[in-house]
N, C-alpha and C. Protein backbone atom coordinates (compact mmCIF):
# COMPACT_ATOMS: atom_id res chain seq x y z
N MET A 1 -18.28 -2.94 -190.65
CA MET A 1 -17.28 -2.13 -189.95
C MET A 1 -17.90 -1.67 -188.63
N ALA A 2 -17.18 -1.60 -187.58
CA ALA A 2 -17.65 -1.47 -186.19
C ALA A 2 -18.05 0.25 -186.21
N ALA A 3 -18.87 0.69 -185.12
CA ALA A 3 -19.26 2.06 -185.12
C ALA A 3 -18.01 2.65 -184.36
N PRO A 4 -17.95 3.89 -184.56
CA PRO A 4 -16.75 4.62 -183.87
C PRO A 4 -16.71 4.61 -182.39
N GLY A 5 -17.77 4.79 -181.80
CA GLY A 5 -17.70 4.73 -180.24
C GLY A 5 -17.23 3.40 -179.86
N LYS A 6 -17.76 2.22 -180.49
CA LYS A 6 -17.35 0.87 -180.02
C LYS A 6 -15.83 0.80 -180.25
N ILE A 7 -15.22 1.23 -181.37
CA ILE A 7 -13.65 1.14 -181.58
C ILE A 7 -13.16 1.82 -180.40
N GLU A 8 -13.55 3.00 -180.06
CA GLU A 8 -12.94 3.87 -179.01
C GLU A 8 -13.03 3.06 -177.72
N LYS A 9 -14.29 2.54 -177.35
CA LYS A 9 -14.39 1.69 -176.11
C LYS A 9 -13.56 0.59 -176.10
N ASN A 10 -13.41 -0.15 -177.17
CA ASN A 10 -12.36 -1.27 -177.19
C ASN A 10 -11.12 -0.91 -177.01
N PHE A 11 -10.60 0.21 -177.58
CA PHE A 11 -9.28 0.70 -177.46
C PHE A 11 -9.21 1.04 -175.85
N PHE A 12 -9.96 1.67 -175.24
CA PHE A 12 -9.92 2.12 -173.95
C PHE A 12 -9.97 0.78 -173.05
N VAL A 13 -10.67 -0.24 -173.24
CA VAL A 13 -10.50 -1.38 -172.49
C VAL A 13 -9.32 -2.15 -172.55
N ASP A 14 -8.80 -2.23 -173.72
CA ASP A 14 -7.62 -2.75 -174.03
C ASP A 14 -6.27 -1.97 -173.29
N PHE A 15 -6.48 -0.67 -173.43
CA PHE A 15 -5.41 0.01 -172.82
C PHE A 15 -5.35 -0.03 -171.24
N MET A 16 -6.69 -0.10 -170.61
CA MET A 16 -6.69 -0.39 -169.20
C MET A 16 -6.30 -1.70 -168.82
N MET A 17 -6.82 -2.84 -169.55
CA MET A 17 -6.13 -4.02 -169.24
C MET A 17 -4.71 -4.20 -169.25
N GLY A 18 -4.03 -3.52 -170.42
CA GLY A 18 -2.50 -3.55 -170.39
C GLY A 18 -2.02 -2.89 -169.31
N GLY A 19 -2.61 -1.76 -168.73
CA GLY A 19 -2.01 -1.06 -167.59
C GLY A 19 -2.18 -1.91 -166.32
N VAL A 20 -3.28 -2.66 -166.12
CA VAL A 20 -3.63 -3.53 -164.99
C VAL A 20 -2.49 -4.65 -165.03
N SER A 21 -2.47 -5.36 -166.26
CA SER A 21 -1.56 -6.43 -166.22
C SER A 21 -0.06 -6.10 -166.03
N ALA A 22 0.40 -4.88 -166.51
CA ALA A 22 1.67 -4.39 -166.09
C ALA A 22 1.81 -4.34 -164.77
N ALA A 23 0.94 -3.66 -163.99
CA ALA A 23 1.06 -3.39 -162.55
C ALA A 23 1.14 -4.66 -161.78
N VAL A 24 0.33 -5.69 -162.23
CA VAL A 24 0.37 -6.88 -161.67
C VAL A 24 1.72 -7.60 -161.63
N SER A 25 2.12 -7.65 -162.95
CA SER A 25 3.23 -8.46 -163.11
C SER A 25 4.48 -7.63 -162.36
N LYS A 26 4.61 -6.28 -162.36
CA LYS A 26 5.71 -5.83 -161.72
C LYS A 26 5.48 -6.02 -160.11
N THR A 27 4.26 -6.00 -159.59
CA THR A 27 4.05 -6.20 -158.24
C THR A 27 4.45 -7.81 -157.87
N ALA A 28 4.23 -8.51 -158.80
CA ALA A 28 4.46 -10.01 -158.61
C ALA A 28 6.05 -10.25 -158.59
N ALA A 29 6.79 -9.58 -159.41
CA ALA A 29 8.21 -9.81 -159.72
C ALA A 29 8.98 -9.12 -158.68
N ALA A 30 8.47 -7.94 -158.14
CA ALA A 30 9.54 -7.13 -157.28
C ALA A 30 9.88 -8.08 -156.10
N PRO A 31 9.34 -8.89 -155.31
CA PRO A 31 10.07 -9.68 -154.33
C PRO A 31 11.11 -10.44 -154.82
N ILE A 32 10.98 -11.10 -155.96
CA ILE A 32 11.96 -11.94 -156.60
C ILE A 32 13.20 -11.19 -156.94
N GLU A 33 12.99 -9.74 -157.58
CA GLU A 33 14.13 -9.00 -157.68
C GLU A 33 14.84 -8.59 -156.52
N ARG A 34 14.10 -8.39 -155.42
CA ARG A 34 14.71 -8.02 -154.18
C ARG A 34 15.65 -9.15 -153.65
N VAL A 35 15.10 -10.35 -153.70
CA VAL A 35 15.91 -11.62 -153.29
C VAL A 35 17.26 -11.65 -154.10
N LYS A 36 17.09 -11.57 -155.40
CA LYS A 36 18.22 -11.51 -156.28
C LYS A 36 19.32 -10.46 -156.04
N LEU A 37 18.86 -9.21 -155.61
CA LEU A 37 19.71 -8.28 -155.18
C LEU A 37 20.53 -8.61 -153.94
N LEU A 38 19.92 -9.28 -152.93
CA LEU A 38 20.35 -9.42 -151.55
C LEU A 38 21.38 -10.81 -151.68
N ILE A 39 21.25 -11.59 -152.77
CA ILE A 39 22.24 -12.72 -152.87
C ILE A 39 23.56 -12.22 -153.56
């Protein structure tokens, strides 16, 4: 079993990576959504 500190660190890293990936995907999709609204 992993040490409690390691589990907390893994959770934090996973949480941050999820946030970064969400921000990148929204930023990449925004121009496409704008074009769809203009059409």
